Amino acid sequence: MIFLNGSYEEISFKNKKEAEQLLKKSRERIDEIDNELFDLISQRTSLAKDIALSKEYIGMPIFDKSREDAIHEKIERLSEEKGLDVDIIDQIVNMLTILSKNEQKQILRRNVNGKY
C-alpha cells in the first residue's frame, strides 16, 4: 500500500527500477516534510516570547494545566481521525510543550535581568 492524495492505495511494481524510483521519491518528500516540520517548530517556539510576557503580565504561571489538557484532548481526537498512534503523537506534543516552556522560562529570566 502507498499513501497518495490523502488515502492509501494498493501498488504493485513491474520491476525493481519502479520500486527504487518510488523509494527515492518518497525519501525526497520525507526530507521536504522534515524541513517544513523544523520551520513550523521554529515558528511555534518563537511565539514563546509573546506567551511568556503575556503570562507574566497577567500573573499566570508558565504551566497552564487547562491549556495542556485541552491540547492533549485535541491531539487524541486528531490522532484517531488520522489513524496515528495516539501515544507516540502525545509524546511528540509533550516534547514540543517542553521546548516551549523552556523557552518561556529563559525569556522570563532575561526579562528579570532587564533585557526585554
N, C-alpha and C. Protein backbone atom coordinates (compact mmCIF):
# COMPACT_ATOMS: atom_id res chain seq x y z
N MET A 1 0.83 -1.18 0.00
CA MET A 1 0.00 0.00 0.00
C MET A 1 0.88 1.25 0.00
N ILE A 2 0.36 2.29 -0.60
CA ILE A 2 1.06 3.57 -0.66
C ILE A 2 0.06 4.69 -0.37
N PHE A 3 0.52 5.73 0.27
CA PHE A 3 -0.32 6.87 0.59
C PHE A 3 -0.24 7.87 -0.55
N LEU A 4 -1.33 8.06 -1.28
CA LEU A 4 -1.38 9.00 -2.39
C LEU A 4 -2.65 9.84 -2.28
N ASN A 5 -2.49 11.12 -2.46
CA ASN A 5 -3.64 12.03 -2.48
C ASN A 5 -4.57 11.85 -1.29
N GLY A 6 -4.00 11.70 -0.11
CA GLY A 6 -4.80 11.64 1.10
C GLY A 6 -5.39 10.29 1.44
N SER A 7 -5.04 9.25 0.70
CA SER A 7 -5.56 7.92 1.04
C SER A 7 -4.55 6.84 0.63
N TYR A 8 -4.75 5.68 1.22
CA TYR A 8 -3.87 4.57 0.90
C TYR A 8 -4.39 3.83 -0.32
N GLU A 9 -3.48 3.50 -1.21
CA GLU A 9 -3.84 2.77 -2.42
C GLU A 9 -2.90 1.58 -2.58
N GLU A 10 -3.44 0.53 -3.15
CA GLU A 10 -2.62 -0.65 -3.46
C GLU A 10 -1.64 -0.27 -4.56
N ILE A 11 -0.45 -0.82 -4.47
CA ILE A 11 0.55 -0.57 -5.50
C ILE A 11 1.30 -1.86 -5.77
N SER A 12 1.56 -2.08 -7.01
CA SER A 12 2.39 -3.23 -7.38
C SER A 12 3.45 -2.71 -8.36
N PHE A 13 4.61 -3.26 -8.23
CA PHE A 13 5.71 -2.82 -9.06
C PHE A 13 5.88 -3.77 -10.24
N LYS A 14 6.25 -3.20 -11.38
CA LYS A 14 6.53 -4.00 -12.56
C LYS A 14 7.96 -4.51 -12.55
N ASN A 15 8.82 -3.73 -11.85
CA ASN A 15 10.23 -4.12 -11.81
C ASN A 15 10.93 -3.39 -10.65
N LYS A 16 12.18 -3.75 -10.45
CA LYS A 16 12.98 -3.18 -9.36
C LYS A 16 13.17 -1.67 -9.53
N LYS A 17 13.34 -1.23 -10.76
CA LYS A 17 13.56 0.20 -11.02
C LYS A 17 12.37 1.03 -10.53
N GLU A 18 11.16 0.57 -10.75
CA GLU A 18 9.98 1.29 -10.28
C GLU A 18 9.99 1.42 -8.76
N ALA A 19 10.34 0.33 -8.09
CA ALA A 19 10.39 0.34 -6.63
C ALA A 19 11.47 1.31 -6.15
N GLU A 20 12.61 1.31 -6.80
CA GLU A 20 13.69 2.22 -6.43
C GLU A 20 13.30 3.68 -6.67
N GLN A 21 12.59 3.94 -7.76
CA GLN A 21 12.15 5.31 -8.04
C GLN A 21 11.14 5.79 -6.99
N LEU A 22 10.22 4.92 -6.62
CA LEU A 22 9.25 5.30 -5.60
C LEU A 22 9.94 5.52 -4.26
N LEU A 23 10.91 4.66 -3.93
CA LEU A 23 11.67 4.83 -2.70
C LEU A 23 12.38 6.18 -2.69
N LYS A 24 13.04 6.51 -3.79
CA LYS A 24 13.76 7.78 -3.88
C LYS A 24 12.80 8.96 -3.75
N LYS A 25 11.69 8.92 -4.49
CA LYS A 25 10.71 9.99 -4.45
C LYS A 25 10.11 10.15 -3.05
N SER A 26 9.83 9.04 -2.40
CA SER A 26 9.26 9.07 -1.06
C SER A 26 10.25 9.65 -0.06
N ARG A 27 11.51 9.26 -0.16
CA ARG A 27 12.53 9.79 0.74
C ARG A 27 12.75 11.28 0.52
N GLU A 28 12.70 11.72 -0.74
CA GLU A 28 12.83 13.15 -1.03
C GLU A 28 11.68 13.92 -0.39
N ARG A 29 10.47 13.37 -0.48
CA ARG A 29 9.31 14.04 0.11
C ARG A 29 9.42 14.07 1.64
N ILE A 30 9.93 12.99 2.23
CA ILE A 30 10.15 12.97 3.68
C ILE A 30 11.13 14.06 4.07
N ASP A 31 12.20 14.23 3.30
CA ASP A 31 13.16 15.30 3.58
C ASP A 31 12.49 16.68 3.51
N GLU A 32 11.64 16.87 2.52
CA GLU A 32 10.91 18.14 2.40
C GLU A 32 10.01 18.36 3.61
N ILE A 33 9.30 17.32 4.00
CA ILE A 33 8.39 17.41 5.15
C ILE A 33 9.19 17.69 6.41
N ASP A 34 10.33 17.03 6.58
CA ASP A 34 11.18 17.29 7.75
C ASP A 34 11.58 18.76 7.81
N ASN A 35 11.96 19.32 6.67
CA ASN A 35 12.32 20.75 6.63
C ASN A 35 11.13 21.61 7.02
N GLU A 36 9.95 21.26 6.52
CA GLU A 36 8.75 22.01 6.86
C GLU A 36 8.45 21.89 8.36
N LEU A 37 8.64 20.70 8.91
CA LEU A 37 8.41 20.49 10.34
C LEU A 37 9.35 21.36 11.17
N PHE A 38 10.62 21.42 10.79
CA PHE A 38 11.57 22.26 11.52
C PHE A 38 11.17 23.72 11.44
N ASP A 39 10.72 24.15 10.27
CA ASP A 39 10.25 25.54 10.14
C ASP A 39 9.06 25.79 11.06
N LEU A 40 8.12 24.86 11.09
CA LEU A 40 6.95 25.02 11.95
C LEU A 40 7.32 24.99 13.44
N ILE A 41 8.23 24.12 13.80
CA ILE A 41 8.68 24.07 15.20
C ILE A 41 9.36 25.38 15.58
N SER A 42 10.15 25.92 14.67
CA SER A 42 10.80 27.19 14.92
C SER A 42 9.77 28.31 15.09
N GLN A 43 8.77 28.33 14.23
CA GLN A 43 7.70 29.33 14.33
C GLN A 43 6.95 29.17 15.65
N ARG A 44 6.65 27.93 16.00
CA ARG A 44 5.92 27.66 17.24
C ARG A 44 6.72 28.13 18.45
N THR A 45 8.01 27.83 18.45
CA THR A 45 8.88 28.20 19.56
C THR A 45 9.05 29.72 19.65
N SER A 46 9.07 30.38 18.50
CA SER A 46 9.25 31.83 18.51
C SER A 46 8.08 32.55 19.18
N LEU A 47 6.93 31.92 19.28
CA LEU A 47 5.77 32.52 19.96
C LEU A 47 5.93 32.50 21.47
N ALA A 48 6.93 31.80 21.97
CA ALA A 48 7.14 31.69 23.42
C ALA A 48 7.35 33.06 24.07
N LYS A 49 8.00 33.97 23.37
CA LYS A 49 8.23 35.31 23.94
C LYS A 49 6.90 36.00 24.21
N ASP A 50 6.02 36.01 23.21
CA ASP A 50 4.71 36.64 23.38
C ASP A 50 3.93 35.98 24.51
N ILE A 51 3.96 34.66 24.54
CA ILE A 51 3.22 33.92 25.56
C ILE A 51 3.79 34.19 26.95
N ALA A 52 5.10 34.11 27.07
CA ALA A 52 5.74 34.31 28.38
C ALA A 52 5.48 35.71 28.93
N LEU A 53 5.66 36.72 28.09
CA LEU A 53 5.47 38.08 28.56
C LEU A 53 4.00 38.36 28.88
N SER A 54 3.09 37.78 28.11
CA SER A 54 1.66 37.93 28.40
C SER A 54 1.30 37.25 29.71
N LYS A 55 1.79 36.02 29.89
CA LYS A 55 1.52 35.29 31.14
C LYS A 55 2.08 36.05 32.33
N GLU A 56 3.28 36.59 32.18
CA GLU A 56 3.90 37.33 33.27
C GLU A 56 3.05 38.54 33.64
N TYR A 57 2.59 39.27 32.65
CA TYR A 57 1.79 40.47 32.90
C TYR A 57 0.47 40.11 33.58
N ILE A 58 -0.16 39.03 33.11
CA ILE A 58 -1.44 38.59 33.66
C ILE A 58 -1.26 37.96 35.03
N GLY A 59 -0.06 37.46 35.30
CA GLY A 59 0.20 36.77 36.56
C GLY A 59 -0.04 35.28 36.50
N MET A 60 0.02 34.74 35.30
CA MET A 60 -0.17 33.30 35.11
C MET A 60 1.16 32.57 35.21
N PRO A 61 1.13 31.35 35.73
CA PRO A 61 2.36 30.54 35.71
C PRO A 61 2.63 30.02 34.29
N ILE A 62 3.84 29.58 34.06
CA ILE A 62 4.18 29.02 32.75
C ILE A 62 3.35 27.78 32.48
N PHE A 63 3.19 26.91 33.49
CA PHE A 63 2.41 25.69 33.32
C PHE A 63 0.93 26.04 33.45
N ASP A 64 0.16 25.74 32.42
CA ASP A 64 -1.28 26.01 32.39
C ASP A 64 -1.99 24.68 32.16
N LYS A 65 -2.39 24.03 33.24
CA LYS A 65 -2.97 22.69 33.17
C LYS A 65 -4.18 22.62 32.24
N SER A 66 -5.07 23.59 32.32
CA SER A 66 -6.27 23.54 31.48
C SER A 66 -5.91 23.61 30.00
N ARG A 67 -4.93 24.43 29.66
CA ARG A 67 -4.47 24.53 28.26
C ARG A 67 -3.85 23.21 27.81
N GLU A 68 -3.00 22.64 28.65
CA GLU A 68 -2.34 21.38 28.27
C GLU A 68 -3.35 20.25 28.16
N ASP A 69 -4.35 20.22 29.05
CA ASP A 69 -5.41 19.21 28.95
C ASP A 69 -6.16 19.35 27.63
N ALA A 70 -6.48 20.59 27.26
CA ALA A 70 -7.19 20.83 26.00
C ALA A 70 -6.35 20.39 24.81
N ILE A 71 -5.06 20.66 24.86
CA ILE A 71 -4.17 20.24 23.77
C ILE A 71 -4.16 18.72 23.65
N HIS A 72 -4.05 18.03 24.78
CA HIS A 72 -4.00 16.57 24.74
C HIS A 72 -5.32 15.96 24.25
N GLU A 73 -6.44 16.58 24.60
CA GLU A 73 -7.73 16.11 24.08
C GLU A 73 -7.77 16.27 22.56
N LYS A 74 -7.30 17.43 22.08
CA LYS A 74 -7.28 17.68 20.64
C LYS A 74 -6.35 16.68 19.94
N ILE A 75 -5.19 16.43 20.53
CA ILE A 75 -4.22 15.51 19.94
C ILE A 75 -4.80 14.11 19.85
N GLU A 76 -5.49 13.69 20.90
CA GLU A 76 -6.10 12.35 20.88
C GLU A 76 -7.13 12.25 19.76
N ARG A 77 -7.98 13.27 19.64
CA ARG A 77 -9.02 13.26 18.61
C ARG A 77 -8.40 13.26 17.21
N LEU A 78 -7.44 14.14 16.98
CA LEU A 78 -6.80 14.22 15.67
C LEU A 78 -6.03 12.95 15.33
N SER A 79 -5.36 12.37 16.32
CA SER A 79 -4.61 11.13 16.09
C SER A 79 -5.55 10.02 15.66
N GLU A 80 -6.67 9.91 16.35
CA GLU A 80 -7.64 8.87 16.00
C GLU A 80 -8.22 9.10 14.61
N GLU A 81 -8.53 10.37 14.28
CA GLU A 81 -9.07 10.70 12.96
C GLU A 81 -8.10 10.34 11.85
N LYS A 82 -6.81 10.56 12.10
CA LYS A 82 -5.79 10.32 11.07
C LYS A 82 -5.22 8.91 11.12
N GLY A 83 -5.65 8.11 12.09
CA GLY A 83 -5.14 6.74 12.21
C GLY A 83 -3.69 6.69 12.69
N LEU A 84 -3.30 7.67 13.52
CA LEU A 84 -1.94 7.71 14.05
C LEU A 84 -1.91 7.17 15.47
N ASP A 85 -0.77 6.68 15.88
CA ASP A 85 -0.59 6.16 17.23
C ASP A 85 -0.70 7.31 18.24
N VAL A 86 -1.76 7.30 19.03
CA VAL A 86 -2.04 8.38 19.97
C VAL A 86 -0.89 8.58 20.95
N ASP A 87 -0.33 7.49 21.46
CA ASP A 87 0.74 7.60 22.46
C ASP A 87 1.98 8.27 21.88
N ILE A 88 2.34 7.91 20.66
CA ILE A 88 3.53 8.50 20.05
C ILE A 88 3.30 9.97 19.72
N ILE A 89 2.14 10.30 19.17
CA ILE A 89 1.83 11.70 18.87
C ILE A 89 1.80 12.50 20.17
N ASP A 90 1.26 11.92 21.23
CA ASP A 90 1.23 12.58 22.53
C ASP A 90 2.65 12.87 23.02
N GLN A 91 3.56 11.93 22.82
CA GLN A 91 4.96 12.14 23.21
C GLN A 91 5.59 13.29 22.41
N ILE A 92 5.27 13.34 21.13
CA ILE A 92 5.81 14.42 20.29
C ILE A 92 5.31 15.76 20.78
N VAL A 93 4.01 15.84 21.06
CA VAL A 93 3.44 17.10 21.55
C VAL A 93 4.01 17.45 22.92
N ASN A 94 4.23 16.45 23.76
CA ASN A 94 4.87 16.71 25.06
C ASN A 94 6.24 17.35 24.87
N MET A 95 7.00 16.85 23.91
CA MET A 95 8.32 17.41 23.65
C MET A 95 8.21 18.85 23.16
N LEU A 96 7.22 19.13 22.32
CA LEU A 96 7.02 20.50 21.84
C LEU A 96 6.63 21.44 22.98
N THR A 97 5.79 20.96 23.90
CA THR A 97 5.40 21.82 25.02
C THR A 97 6.57 22.03 25.98
N ILE A 98 7.40 21.02 26.16
CA ILE A 98 8.61 21.19 26.98
C ILE A 98 9.52 22.23 26.34
N LEU A 99 9.70 22.14 25.04
CA LEU A 99 10.52 23.12 24.32
C LEU A 99 9.97 24.53 24.53
N SER A 100 8.66 24.68 24.42
CA SER A 100 8.03 25.99 24.60
C SER A 100 8.19 26.49 26.03
N LYS A 101 7.93 25.61 27.00
CA LYS A 101 8.06 26.03 28.41
C LYS A 101 9.50 26.41 28.76
N ASN A 102 10.45 25.66 28.24
CA ASN A 102 11.86 26.00 28.49
C ASN A 102 12.20 27.36 27.89
N GLU A 103 11.71 27.62 26.70
CA GLU A 103 11.95 28.90 26.05
C GLU A 103 11.28 30.02 26.86
N GLN A 104 10.06 29.79 27.33
CA GLN A 104 9.37 30.79 28.14
C GLN A 104 10.16 31.09 29.42
N LYS A 105 10.70 30.05 30.07
CA LYS A 105 11.49 30.25 31.28
C LYS A 105 12.72 31.11 30.99
N GLN A 106 13.41 30.83 29.88
CA GLN A 106 14.58 31.62 29.52
C GLN A 106 14.20 33.07 29.25
N ILE A 107 13.09 33.28 28.59
CA ILE A 107 12.63 34.63 28.28
C ILE A 107 12.32 35.39 29.56
N LEU A 108 11.64 34.74 30.49
CA LEU A 108 11.30 35.41 31.75
C LEU A 108 12.56 35.70 32.57
N ARG A 109 13.55 34.81 32.52
CA ARG A 109 14.82 35.09 33.21
C ARG A 109 15.49 36.31 32.60
N ARG A 110 15.48 36.39 31.27
CA ARG A 110 16.08 37.56 30.59
C ARG A 110 15.29 38.82 30.93
N ASN A 111 13.97 38.68 31.02
CA ASN A 111 13.12 39.84 31.33
C ASN A 111 13.44 40.37 32.73
N VAL A 112 13.67 39.48 33.66
CA VAL A 112 14.03 39.89 35.02
C VAL A 112 15.37 40.63 35.01
N ASN A 113 16.27 40.19 34.14
CA ASN A 113 17.58 40.82 34.06
C ASN A 113 17.58 42.08 33.20
N GLY A 114 16.39 42.52 32.77
CA GLY A 114 16.27 43.79 32.05
C GLY A 114 16.58 43.76 30.58
N LYS A 115 16.56 42.61 29.95
CA LYS A 115 16.88 42.56 28.52
C LYS A 115 15.63 42.71 27.65
N TYR A 116 14.42 42.62 28.21
CA TYR A 116 13.21 42.81 27.41
C TYR A 116 12.45 44.00 27.93
